[in-house]
């Protein structure tokens, strides 16, 4: 997944029932990029 698409991981779970990304390295569009791009209103939540 790239940029804002890691939002799709929000409700994904692993075999243990915990969030899939728990304890895993992950990236996505940063808060600083969102603020600098004046696009915070385009998001339902900060990624």
ModelCIF file with pLDDT and N, C-alpha, C, O atoms, coordinates in Angstrom:
data_MODEL
#
_entry.id   MODEL 
#
_entity.id                         1 
_entity.type                       polymer 
_entity.pdbx_number_of_molecules   1 
#
_entity_poly.entity_id                      1 
_entity_poly.type                           'polypeptide(L)' 
_entity_poly.nstd_linkage                   no 
_entity_poly.nstd_monomer                   no 
_entity_poly.pdbx_seq_one_letter_code       
;(UNK)(UNK)(UNK)(UNK)(UNK)(UNK)(UNK)(UNK)(UNK)(UNK)(UNK)(UNK)(UNK)(UNK)(UNK)(UNK)
(UNK)(UNK)(UNK)(UNK)(UNK)(UNK)(UNK)(UNK)(UNK)(UNK)(UNK)(UNK)(UNK)(UNK)(UNK)(UNK)
(UNK)(UNK)(UNK)(UNK)(UNK)(UNK)(UNK)(UNK)(UNK)(UNK)(UNK)(UNK)(UNK)(UNK)(UNK)
;
_entity_poly.pdbx_seq_one_letter_code_can   XXXXXXXXXXXXXXXXXXXXXXXXXXXXXXXXXXXXXXXXXXXXXXX 
_entity_poly.pdbx_strand_id                 A 
#
loop_
_entity_poly_seq.entity_id 
_entity_poly_seq.num 
_entity_poly_seq.mon_id 
_entity_poly_seq.hetero 
1 1  UNK n 
1 2  UNK n 
1 3  UNK n 
1 4  UNK n 
1 5  UNK n 
1 6  UNK n 
1 7  UNK n 
1 8  UNK n 
1 9  UNK n 
1 10 UNK n 
1 11 UNK n 
1 12 UNK n 
1 13 UNK n 
1 14 UNK n 
1 15 UNK n 
1 16 UNK n 
1 17 UNK n 
1 18 UNK n 
1 19 UNK n 
1 20 UNK n 
1 21 UNK n 
1 22 UNK n 
1 23 UNK n 
1 24 UNK n 
1 25 UNK n 
1 26 UNK n 
1 27 UNK n 
1 28 UNK n 
1 29 UNK n 
1 30 UNK n 
1 31 UNK n 
1 32 UNK n 
1 33 UNK n 
1 34 UNK n 
1 35 UNK n 
1 36 UNK n 
1 37 UNK n 
1 38 UNK n 
1 39 UNK n 
1 40 UNK n 
1 41 UNK n 
1 42 UNK n 
1 43 UNK n 
1 44 UNK n 
1 45 UNK n 
1 46 UNK n 
1 47 UNK n 
#
_struct_asym.id          A 
_struct_asym.entity_id   1 
#
loop_
_ma_qa_metric.id 
_ma_qa_metric.mode 
_ma_qa_metric.name 
_ma_qa_metric.software_group_id 
_ma_qa_metric.type 
1 global pLDDT . pLDDT 
2 local  pLDDT . pLDDT 
#
_ma_qa_metric_global.metric_id      1 
_ma_qa_metric_global.metric_value   94.32 
_ma_qa_metric_global.model_id       1 
_ma_qa_metric_global.ordinal_id     1 
#
loop_
_ma_qa_metric_local.label_asym_id 
_ma_qa_metric_local.label_comp_id 
_ma_qa_metric_local.label_seq_id 
_ma_qa_metric_local.metric_id 
_ma_qa_metric_local.metric_value 
_ma_qa_metric_local.model_id 
_ma_qa_metric_local.ordinal_id 
A UNK 1  2 98.00 1 1  
A UNK 2  2 98.00 1 2  
A UNK 3  2 97.00 1 3  
A UNK 4  2 97.00 1 4  
A UNK 5  2 98.00 1 5  
A UNK 6  2 98.00 1 6  
A UNK 7  2 98.00 1 7  
A UNK 8  2 98.00 1 8  
A UNK 9  2 98.00 1 9  
A UNK 10 2 98.00 1 10 
A UNK 11 2 98.00 1 11 
A UNK 12 2 98.00 1 12 
A UNK 13 2 97.00 1 13 
A UNK 14 2 95.00 1 14 
A UNK 15 2 92.00 1 15 
A UNK 16 2 93.00 1 16 
A UNK 17 2 95.00 1 17 
A UNK 18 2 96.00 1 18 
A UNK 19 2 97.00 1 19 
A UNK 20 2 98.00 1 20 
A UNK 21 2 98.00 1 21 
A UNK 22 2 97.00 1 22 
A UNK 23 2 97.00 1 23 
A UNK 24 2 98.00 1 24 
A UNK 25 2 98.00 1 25 
A UNK 26 2 98.00 1 26 
A UNK 27 2 98.00 1 27 
A UNK 28 2 97.00 1 28 
A UNK 29 2 96.00 1 29 
A UNK 30 2 96.00 1 30 
A UNK 31 2 94.00 1 31 
A UNK 32 2 95.00 1 32 
A UNK 33 2 93.00 1 33 
A UNK 34 2 92.00 1 34 
A UNK 35 2 90.00 1 35 
A UNK 36 2 89.00 1 36 
A UNK 37 2 81.00 1 37 
A UNK 38 2 84.00 1 38 
A UNK 39 2 82.00 1 39 
A UNK 40 2 84.00 1 40 
A UNK 41 2 83.00 1 41 
A UNK 42 2 87.00 1 42 
A UNK 43 2 91.00 1 43 
A UNK 44 2 92.00 1 44 
A UNK 45 2 94.00 1 45 
A UNK 46 2 96.00 1 46 
A UNK 47 2 96.00 1 47 
#
loop_
_atom_site.group_PDB 
_atom_site.id 
_atom_site.type_symbol 
_atom_site.label_atom_id 
_atom_site.label_alt_id 
_atom_site.label_comp_id 
_atom_site.label_asym_id 
_atom_site.label_entity_id 
_atom_site.label_seq_id 
_atom_site.pdbx_PDB_ins_code 
_atom_site.Cartn_x 
_atom_site.Cartn_y 
_atom_site.Cartn_z 
_atom_site.occupancy 
_atom_site.B_iso_or_equiv 
_atom_site.pdbx_formal_charge 
_atom_site.auth_seq_id 
_atom_site.auth_comp_id 
_atom_site.auth_asym_id 
_atom_site.auth_atom_id 
_atom_site.pdbx_PDB_model_num 
ATOM 1   N N  . UNK A 1 1  ? 0.867   -1.186  0.000  1.00 98.00 ? 1  UNK A N  1 
ATOM 2   C CA . UNK A 1 1  ? 0.000   0.000   0.000  1.00 98.00 ? 1  UNK A CA 1 
ATOM 3   C C  . UNK A 1 1  ? 0.898   1.229   0.000  1.00 98.00 ? 1  UNK A C  1 
ATOM 4   O O  . UNK A 1 1  ? 1.995   1.205   0.557  1.00 98.00 ? 1  UNK A O  1 
ATOM 5   N N  . UNK A 1 2  ? 0.423   2.311   -0.632 1.00 98.00 ? 2  UNK A N  1 
ATOM 6   C CA . UNK A 1 2  ? 1.245   3.515   -0.697 1.00 98.00 ? 2  UNK A CA 1 
ATOM 7   C C  . UNK A 1 2  ? 0.435   4.759   -0.362 1.00 98.00 ? 2  UNK A C  1 
ATOM 8   O O  . UNK A 1 2  ? -0.756  4.839   -0.661 1.00 98.00 ? 2  UNK A O  1 
ATOM 9   N N  . UNK A 1 3  ? 1.092   5.720   0.257  1.00 97.00 ? 3  UNK A N  1 
ATOM 10  C CA . UNK A 1 3  ? 0.580   7.057   0.549  1.00 97.00 ? 3  UNK A CA 1 
ATOM 11  C C  . UNK A 1 3  ? -0.612  7.011   1.518  1.00 97.00 ? 3  UNK A C  1 
ATOM 12  O O  . UNK A 1 3  ? -0.424  6.671   2.686  1.00 97.00 ? 3  UNK A O  1 
ATOM 13  N N  . UNK A 1 4  ? -1.832  7.344   1.070  1.00 97.00 ? 4  UNK A N  1 
ATOM 14  C CA . UNK A 1 4  ? -3.002  7.296   1.944  1.00 97.00 ? 4  UNK A CA 1 
ATOM 15  C C  . UNK A 1 4  ? -3.654  5.916   1.978  1.00 97.00 ? 4  UNK A C  1 
ATOM 16  O O  . UNK A 1 4  ? -4.523  5.667   2.813  1.00 97.00 ? 4  UNK A O  1 
ATOM 17  N N  . UNK A 1 5  ? -3.254  5.028   1.094  1.00 98.00 ? 5  UNK A N  1 
ATOM 18  C CA . UNK A 1 5  ? -3.888  3.714   1.018  1.00 98.00 ? 5  UNK A CA 1 
ATOM 19  C C  . UNK A 1 5  ? -3.703  2.847   2.266  1.00 98.00 ? 5  UNK A C  1 
ATOM 20  O O  . UNK A 1 5  ? -4.548  1.987   2.513  1.00 98.00 ? 5  UNK A O  1 
ATOM 21  N N  . UNK A 1 6  ? -2.633  3.026   3.077  1.00 98.00 ? 6  UNK A N  1 
ATOM 22  C CA . UNK A 1 6  ? -2.555  2.240   4.311  1.00 98.00 ? 6  UNK A CA 1 
ATOM 23  C C  . UNK A 1 6  ? -3.752  2.446   5.250  1.00 98.00 ? 6  UNK A C  1 
ATOM 24  O O  . UNK A 1 6  ? -3.900  1.718   6.231  1.00 98.00 ? 6  UNK A O  1 
ATOM 25  N N  . UNK A 1 7  ? -4.601  3.430   4.952  1.00 98.00 ? 7  UNK A N  1 
ATOM 26  C CA . UNK A 1 7  ? -5.858  3.572   5.692  1.00 98.00 ? 7  UNK A CA 1 
ATOM 27  C C  . UNK A 1 7  ? -6.688  2.294   5.597  1.00 98.00 ? 7  UNK A C  1 
ATOM 28  O O  . UNK A 1 7  ? -7.475  1.990   6.493  1.00 98.00 ? 7  UNK A O  1 
ATOM 29  N N  . UNK A 1 8  ? -6.508  1.549   4.506  1.00 98.00 ? 8  UNK A N  1 
ATOM 30  C CA . UNK A 1 8  ? -7.255  0.302   4.310  1.00 98.00 ? 8  UNK A CA 1 
ATOM 31  C C  . UNK A 1 8  ? -6.889  -0.754  5.349  1.00 98.00 ? 8  UNK A C  1 
ATOM 32  O O  . UNK A 1 8  ? -7.589  -1.758  5.486  1.00 98.00 ? 8  UNK A O  1 
ATOM 33  N N  . UNK A 1 9  ? -5.792  -0.533  6.082  1.00 98.00 ? 9  UNK A N  1 
ATOM 34  C CA . UNK A 1 9  ? -5.354  -1.487  7.102  1.00 98.00 ? 9  UNK A CA 1 
ATOM 35  C C  . UNK A 1 9  ? -6.062  -1.271  8.441  1.00 98.00 ? 9  UNK A C  1 
ATOM 36  O O  . UNK A 1 9  ? -5.877  -2.059  9.368  1.00 98.00 ? 9  UNK A O  1 
ATOM 37  N N  . UNK A 1 10 ? -6.860  -0.225  8.550  1.00 98.00 ? 10 UNK A N  1 
ATOM 38  C CA . UNK A 1 10 ? -7.431  0.187   9.830  1.00 98.00 ? 10 UNK A CA 1 
ATOM 39  C C  . UNK A 1 10 ? -8.125  -0.944  10.579 1.00 98.00 ? 10 UNK A C  1 
ATOM 40  O O  . UNK A 1 10 ? -7.918  -1.105  11.782 1.00 98.00 ? 10 UNK A O  1 
ATOM 41  N N  . UNK A 1 11 ? -8.934  -1.718  9.893  1.00 98.00 ? 11 UNK A N  1 
ATOM 42  C CA . UNK A 1 11 ? -9.724  -2.764  10.551 1.00 98.00 ? 11 UNK A CA 1 
ATOM 43  C C  . UNK A 1 11 ? -9.309  -4.177  10.158 1.00 98.00 ? 11 UNK A C  1 
ATOM 44  O O  . UNK A 1 11 ? -10.054 -5.134  10.369 1.00 98.00 ? 11 UNK A O  1 
ATOM 45  N N  . UNK A 1 12 ? -8.119  -4.298  9.586  1.00 98.00 ? 12 UNK A N  1 
ATOM 46  C CA . UNK A 1 12 ? -7.596  -5.610  9.205  1.00 98.00 ? 12 UNK A CA 1 
ATOM 47  C C  . UNK A 1 12 ? -6.965  -6.270  10.420 1.00 98.00 ? 12 UNK A C  1 
ATOM 48  O O  . UNK A 1 12 ? -6.222  -5.635  11.169 1.00 98.00 ? 12 UNK A O  1 
ATOM 49  N N  . UNK A 1 13 ? -7.263  -7.539  10.605 1.00 97.00 ? 13 UNK A N  1 
ATOM 50  C CA . UNK A 1 13 ? -6.741  -8.262  11.759 1.00 97.00 ? 13 UNK A CA 1 
ATOM 51  C C  . UNK A 1 13 ? -5.862  -9.434  11.325 1.00 97.00 ? 13 UNK A C  1 
ATOM 52  O O  . UNK A 1 13 ? -6.004  -9.968  10.225 1.00 97.00 ? 13 UNK A O  1 
ATOM 53  N N  . UNK A 1 14 ? -4.970  -9.808  12.199 1.00 95.00 ? 14 UNK A N  1 
ATOM 54  C CA . UNK A 1 14 ? -4.149  -10.980 11.965 1.00 95.00 ? 14 UNK A CA 1 
ATOM 55  C C  . UNK A 1 14 ? -4.845  -12.227 12.479 1.00 95.00 ? 14 UNK A C  1 
ATOM 56  O O  . UNK A 1 14 ? -5.972  -12.158 12.969 1.00 95.00 ? 14 UNK A O  1 
ATOM 57  N N  . UNK A 1 15 ? -4.178  -13.360 12.370 1.00 92.00 ? 15 UNK A N  1 
ATOM 58  C CA . UNK A 1 15 ? -4.771  -14.624 12.808 1.00 92.00 ? 15 UNK A CA 1 
ATOM 59  C C  . UNK A 1 15 ? -5.103  -14.621 14.299 1.00 92.00 ? 15 UNK A C  1 
ATOM 60  O O  . UNK A 1 15 ? -6.004  -15.333 14.742 1.00 92.00 ? 15 UNK A O  1 
ATOM 61  N N  . UNK A 1 16 ? -4.365  -13.812 15.075 1.00 93.00 ? 16 UNK A N  1 
ATOM 62  C CA . UNK A 1 16 ? -4.576  -13.761 16.526 1.00 93.00 ? 16 UNK A CA 1 
ATOM 63  C C  . UNK A 1 16 ? -5.710  -12.824 16.932 1.00 93.00 ? 16 UNK A C  1 
ATOM 64  O O  . UNK A 1 16 ? -6.007  -12.692 18.119 1.00 93.00 ? 16 UNK A O  1 
ATOM 65  N N  . UNK A 1 17 ? -6.348  -12.171 15.954 1.00 95.00 ? 17 UNK A N  1 
ATOM 66  C CA . UNK A 1 17 ? -7.449  -11.261 16.245 1.00 95.00 ? 17 UNK A CA 1 
ATOM 67  C C  . UNK A 1 17 ? -7.025  -9.848  16.571 1.00 95.00 ? 17 UNK A C  1 
ATOM 68  O O  . UNK A 1 17 ? -7.873  -8.966  16.706 1.00 95.00 ? 17 UNK A O  1 
ATOM 69  N N  . UNK A 1 18 ? -5.727  -9.612  16.700 1.00 96.00 ? 18 UNK A N  1 
ATOM 70  C CA . UNK A 1 18 ? -5.198  -8.267  16.944 1.00 96.00 ? 18 UNK A CA 1 
ATOM 71  C C  . UNK A 1 18 ? -5.045  -7.541  15.616 1.00 96.00 ? 18 UNK A C  1 
ATOM 72  O O  . UNK A 1 18 ? -5.007  -8.179  14.564 1.00 96.00 ? 18 UNK A O  1 
ATOM 73  N N  . UNK A 1 19 ? -4.956  -6.200  15.650 1.00 97.00 ? 19 UNK A N  1 
ATOM 74  C CA . UNK A 1 19 ? -4.722  -5.475  14.395 1.00 97.00 ? 19 UNK A CA 1 
ATOM 75  C C  . UNK A 1 19 ? -3.504  -6.043  13.663 1.00 97.00 ? 19 UNK A C  1 
ATOM 76  O O  . UNK A 1 19 ? -2.474  -6.317  14.279 1.00 97.00 ? 19 UNK A O  1 
ATOM 77  N N  . UNK A 1 20 ? -3.628  -6.214  12.359 1.00 98.00 ? 20 UNK A N  1 
ATOM 78  C CA . UNK A 1 20 ? -2.546  -6.804  11.578 1.00 98.00 ? 20 UNK A CA 1 
ATOM 79  C C  . UNK A 1 20 ? -1.244  -6.041  11.737 1.00 98.00 ? 20 UNK A C  1 
ATOM 80  O O  . UNK A 1 20 ? -0.164  -6.630  11.773 1.00 98.00 ? 20 UNK A O  1 
ATOM 81  N N  . UNK A 1 21 ? -1.359  -4.712  11.832 1.00 98.00 ? 21 UNK A N  1 
ATOM 82  C CA . UNK A 1 21 ? -0.129  -3.909  11.860 1.00 98.00 ? 21 UNK A CA 1 
ATOM 83  C C  . UNK A 1 21 ? 0.469   -3.789  13.269 1.00 98.00 ? 21 UNK A C  1 
ATOM 84  O O  . UNK A 1 21 ? 1.530   -3.185  13.427 1.00 98.00 ? 21 UNK A O  1 
ATOM 85  N N  . UNK A 1 22 ? -0.177  -4.342  14.278 1.00 97.00 ? 22 UNK A N  1 
ATOM 86  C CA . UNK A 1 22 ? 0.342   -4.230  15.642 1.00 97.00 ? 22 UNK A CA 1 
ATOM 87  C C  . UNK A 1 22 ? 1.746   -4.823  15.729 1.00 97.00 ? 22 UNK A C  1 
ATOM 88  O O  . UNK A 1 22 ? 1.959   -5.995  15.419 1.00 97.00 ? 22 UNK A O  1 
ATOM 89  N N  . UNK A 1 23 ? 2.694   -4.000  16.154 1.00 97.00 ? 23 UNK A N  1 
ATOM 90  C CA . UNK A 1 23 ? 4.071   -4.446  16.297 1.00 97.00 ? 23 UNK A CA 1 
ATOM 91  C C  . UNK A 1 23 ? 4.850   -4.513  15.002 1.00 97.00 ? 23 UNK A C  1 
ATOM 92  O O  . UNK A 1 23 ? 6.000   -4.953  14.996 1.00 97.00 ? 23 UNK A O  1 
ATOM 93  N N  . UNK A 1 24 ? 4.246   -4.083  13.899 1.00 98.00 ? 24 UNK A N  1 
ATOM 94  C CA . UNK A 1 24 ? 4.923   -4.144  12.600 1.00 98.00 ? 24 UNK A CA 1 
ATOM 95  C C  . UNK A 1 24 ? 5.347   -2.754  12.142 1.00 98.00 ? 24 UNK A C  1 
ATOM 96  O O  . UNK A 1 24 ? 4.705   -1.754  12.463 1.00 98.00 ? 24 UNK A O  1 
ATOM 97  N N  . UNK A 1 25 ? 6.438   -2.714  11.387 1.00 98.00 ? 25 UNK A N  1 
ATOM 98  C CA . UNK A 1 25 ? 6.896   -1.457  10.797 1.00 98.00 ? 25 UNK A CA 1 
ATOM 99  C C  . UNK A 1 25 ? 5.932   -1.065  9.672  1.00 98.00 ? 25 UNK A C  1 
ATOM 100 O O  . UNK A 1 25 ? 5.540   -1.889  8.846  1.00 98.00 ? 25 UNK A O  1 
ATOM 101 N N  . UNK A 1 26 ? 5.569   0.200   9.668  1.00 98.00 ? 26 UNK A N  1 
ATOM 102 C CA . UNK A 1 26 ? 4.610   0.674   8.669  1.00 98.00 ? 26 UNK A CA 1 
ATOM 103 C C  . UNK A 1 26 ? 4.826   2.155   8.421  1.00 98.00 ? 26 UNK A C  1 
ATOM 104 O O  . UNK A 1 26 ? 5.285   2.881   9.302  1.00 98.00 ? 26 UNK A O  1 
ATOM 105 N N  . UNK A 1 27 ? 4.493   2.598   7.216  1.00 98.00 ? 27 UNK A N  1 
ATOM 106 C CA . UNK A 1 27 ? 4.533   4.027   6.920  1.00 98.00 ? 27 UNK A CA 1 
ATOM 107 C C  . UNK A 1 27 ? 3.276   4.407   6.136  1.00 98.00 ? 27 UNK A C  1 
ATOM 108 O O  . UNK A 1 27 ? 2.445   3.554   5.823  1.00 98.00 ? 27 UNK A O  1 
ATOM 109 N N  . UNK A 1 28 ? 3.150   5.673   5.829  1.00 97.00 ? 28 UNK A N  1 
ATOM 110 C CA . UNK A 1 28 ? 2.018   6.223   5.101  1.00 97.00 ? 28 UNK A CA 1 
ATOM 111 C C  . UNK A 1 28 ? 2.159   7.733   5.133  1.00 97.00 ? 28 UNK A C  1 
ATOM 112 O O  . UNK A 1 28 ? 3.062   8.265   5.779  1.00 97.00 ? 28 UNK A O  1 
ATOM 113 N N  . UNK A 1 29 ? 1.282   8.410   4.449  1.00 96.00 ? 29 UNK A N  1 
ATOM 114 C CA . UNK A 1 29 ? 1.343   9.875   4.371  1.00 96.00 ? 29 UNK A CA 1 
ATOM 115 C C  . UNK A 1 29 ? 1.376   10.460  5.777  1.00 96.00 ? 29 UNK A C  1 
ATOM 116 O O  . UNK A 1 29 ? 0.516   10.155  6.603  1.00 96.00 ? 29 UNK A O  1 
ATOM 117 N N  . UNK A 1 30 ? 2.361   11.295  6.042  1.00 96.00 ? 30 UNK A N  1 
ATOM 118 C CA . UNK A 1 30 ? 2.609   11.777  7.403  1.00 96.00 ? 30 UNK A CA 1 
ATOM 119 C C  . UNK A 1 30 ? 1.728   12.977  7.765  1.00 96.00 ? 30 UNK A C  1 
ATOM 120 O O  . UNK A 1 30 ? 1.199   13.673  6.898  1.00 96.00 ? 30 UNK A O  1 
ATOM 121 N N  . UNK A 1 31 ? 1.593   13.187  9.065  1.00 94.00 ? 31 UNK A N  1 
ATOM 122 C CA . UNK A 1 31 ? 0.850   14.365  9.529  1.00 94.00 ? 31 UNK A CA 1 
ATOM 123 C C  . UNK A 1 31 ? 1.489   15.644  9.000  1.00 94.00 ? 31 UNK A C  1 
ATOM 124 O O  . UNK A 1 31 ? 0.785   16.577  8.613  1.00 94.00 ? 31 UNK A O  1 
ATOM 125 N N  . UNK A 1 32 ? 2.815   15.689  8.982  1.00 95.00 ? 32 UNK A N  1 
ATOM 126 C CA . UNK A 1 32 ? 3.494   16.916  8.526  1.00 95.00 ? 32 UNK A CA 1 
ATOM 127 C C  . UNK A 1 32 ? 3.234   17.171  7.045  1.00 95.00 ? 32 UNK A C  1 
ATOM 128 O O  . UNK A 1 32 ? 3.111   18.324  6.630  1.00 95.00 ? 32 UNK A O  1 
ATOM 129 N N  . UNK A 1 33 ? 3.149   16.115  6.251  1.00 93.00 ? 33 UNK A N  1 
ATOM 130 C CA . UNK A 1 33 ? 2.834   16.282  4.835  1.00 93.00 ? 33 UNK A CA 1 
ATOM 131 C C  . UNK A 1 33 ? 1.390   16.768  4.669  1.00 93.00 ? 33 UNK A C  1 
ATOM 132 O O  . UNK A 1 33 ? 1.106   17.618  3.825  1.00 93.00 ? 33 UNK A O  1 
ATOM 133 N N  . UNK A 1 34 ? 0.487   16.219  5.483  1.00 92.00 ? 34 UNK A N  1 
ATOM 134 C CA . UNK A 1 34 ? -0.924  16.613  5.391  1.00 92.00 ? 34 UNK A CA 1 
ATOM 135 C C  . UNK A 1 34 ? -1.095  18.092  5.737  1.00 92.00 ? 34 UNK A C  1 
ATOM 136 O O  . UNK A 1 34 ? -1.829  18.817  5.065  1.00 92.00 ? 34 UNK A O  1 
ATOM 137 N N  . UNK A 1 35 ? -0.408  18.526  6.793  1.00 90.00 ? 35 UNK A N  1 
ATOM 138 C CA . UNK A 1 35 ? -0.500  19.925  7.224  1.00 90.00 ? 35 UNK A CA 1 
ATOM 139 C C  . UNK A 1 35 ? 0.146   20.844  6.188  1.00 90.00 ? 35 UNK A C  1 
ATOM 140 O O  . UNK A 1 35 ? -0.426  21.866  5.808  1.00 90.00 ? 35 UNK A O  1 
ATOM 141 N N  . UNK A 1 36 ? 1.340   20.472  5.737  1.00 89.00 ? 36 UNK A N  1 
ATOM 142 C CA . UNK A 1 36 ? 2.046   21.305  4.754  1.00 89.00 ? 36 UNK A CA 1 
ATOM 143 C C  . UNK A 1 36 ? 1.277   21.400  3.446  1.00 89.00 ? 36 UNK A C  1 
ATOM 144 O O  . UNK A 1 36 ? 1.338   22.418  2.756  1.00 89.00 ? 36 UNK A O  1 
ATOM 145 N N  . UNK A 1 37 ? 0.549   20.333  3.104  1.00 81.00 ? 37 UNK A N  1 
ATOM 146 C CA . UNK A 1 37 ? -0.227  20.329  1.870  1.00 81.00 ? 37 UNK A CA 1 
ATOM 147 C C  . UNK A 1 37 ? -1.614  20.916  2.038  1.00 81.00 ? 37 UNK A C  1 
ATOM 148 O O  . UNK A 1 37 ? -2.399  20.949  1.091  1.00 81.00 ? 37 UNK A O  1 
ATOM 149 N N  . UNK A 1 38 ? -1.921  21.387  3.257  1.00 84.00 ? 38 UNK A N  1 
ATOM 150 C CA . UNK A 1 38 ? -3.217  22.010  3.560  1.00 84.00 ? 38 UNK A CA 1 
ATOM 151 C C  . UNK A 1 38 ? -4.381  21.086  3.169  1.00 84.00 ? 38 UNK A C  1 
ATOM 152 O O  . UNK A 1 38 ? -5.369  21.522  2.578  1.00 84.00 ? 38 UNK A O  1 
ATOM 153 N N  . UNK A 1 39 ? -4.236  19.800  3.517  1.00 82.00 ? 39 UNK A N  1 
ATOM 154 C CA . UNK A 1 39 ? -5.245  18.823  3.098  1.00 82.00 ? 39 UNK A CA 1 
ATOM 155 C C  . UNK A 1 39 ? -5.859  18.051  4.265  1.00 82.00 ? 39 UNK A C  1 
ATOM 156 O O  . UNK A 1 39 ? -6.452  16.992  4.058  1.00 82.00 ? 39 UNK A O  1 
ATOM 157 N N  . UNK A 1 40 ? -5.728  18.561  5.471  1.00 84.00 ? 40 UNK A N  1 
ATOM 158 C CA . UNK A 1 40 ? -6.274  17.828  6.626  1.00 84.00 ? 40 UNK A CA 1 
ATOM 159 C C  . UNK A 1 40 ? -7.793  17.654  6.522  1.00 84.00 ? 40 UNK A C  1 
ATOM 160 O O  . UNK A 1 40 ? -8.338  16.668  7.018  1.00 84.00 ? 40 UNK A O  1 
ATOM 161 N N  . UNK A 1 41 ? -8.476  18.606  5.882  1.00 83.00 ? 41 UNK A N  1 
ATOM 162 C CA . UNK A 1 41 ? -9.935  18.513  5.755  1.00 83.00 ? 41 UNK A CA 1 
ATOM 163 C C  . UNK A 1 41 ? -10.372 17.431  4.756  1.00 83.00 ? 41 UNK A C  1 
ATOM 164 O O  . UNK A 1 41 ? -11.545 17.062  4.700  1.00 83.00 ? 41 UNK A O  1 
ATOM 165 N N  . UNK A 1 42 ? -9.427  16.938  3.983  1.00 87.00 ? 42 UNK A N  1 
ATOM 166 C CA . UNK A 1 42 ? -9.741  15.899  3.002  1.00 87.00 ? 42 UNK A CA 1 
ATOM 167 C C  . UNK A 1 42 ? -9.752  14.509  3.632  1.00 87.00 ? 42 UNK A C  1 
ATOM 168 O O  . UNK A 1 42 ? -10.081 13.528  2.965  1.00 87.00 ? 42 UNK A O  1 
ATOM 169 N N  . UNK A 1 43 ? -9.397  14.423  4.909  1.00 91.00 ? 43 UNK A N  1 
ATOM 170 C CA . UNK A 1 43 ? -9.211  13.132  5.572  1.00 91.00 ? 43 UNK A CA 1 
ATOM 171 C C  . UNK A 1 43 ? -10.250 12.900  6.661  1.00 91.00 ? 43 UNK A C  1 
ATOM 172 O O  . UNK A 1 43 ? -10.569 13.829  7.403  1.00 91.00 ? 43 UNK A O  1 
ATOM 173 N N  . UNK A 1 44 ? -10.788 11.682  6.780  1.00 92.00 ? 44 UNK A N  1 
ATOM 174 C CA . UNK A 1 44 ? -11.702 11.373  7.877  1.00 92.00 ? 44 UNK A CA 1 
ATOM 175 C C  . UNK A 1 44 ? -10.980 11.206  9.196  1.00 92.00 ? 44 UNK A C  1 
ATOM 176 O O  . UNK A 1 44 ? -11.596 11.286  10.259 1.00 92.00 ? 44 UNK A O  1 
ATOM 177 N N  . UNK A 1 45 ? -9.674  10.973  9.139  1.00 94.00 ? 45 UNK A N  1 
ATOM 178 C CA . UNK A 1 45 ? -8.824  10.844  10.332 1.00 94.00 ? 45 UNK A CA 1 
ATOM 179 C C  . UNK A 1 45 ? -7.371  11.034  9.893  1.00 94.00 ? 45 UNK A C  1 
ATOM 180 O O  . UNK A 1 45 ? -7.051  10.823  8.723  1.00 94.00 ? 45 UNK A O  1 
ATOM 181 N N  . UNK A 1 46 ? -6.483  11.433  10.820 1.00 96.00 ? 46 UNK A N  1 
ATOM 182 C CA . UNK A 1 46 ? -5.071  11.543  10.457 1.00 96.00 ? 46 UNK A CA 1 
ATOM 183 C C  . UNK A 1 46 ? -4.482  10.141  10.280 1.00 96.00 ? 46 UNK A C  1 
ATOM 184 O O  . UNK A 1 46 ? -4.507  9.338   11.213 1.00 96.00 ? 46 UNK A O  1 
ATOM 185 N N  . UNK A 1 47 ? -3.967  9.850   9.119  1.00 96.00 ? 47 UNK A N  1 
ATOM 186 C CA . UNK A 1 47 ? -3.475  8.505   8.815  1.00 96.00 ? 47 UNK A CA 1 
ATOM 187 C C  . UNK A 1 47 ? -2.354  8.083   9.764  1.00 96.00 ? 47 UNK A C  1 
ATOM 188 O O  . UNK A 1 47 ? -1.828  6.977   9.645  1.00 96.00 ? 47 UNK A O  1 
#
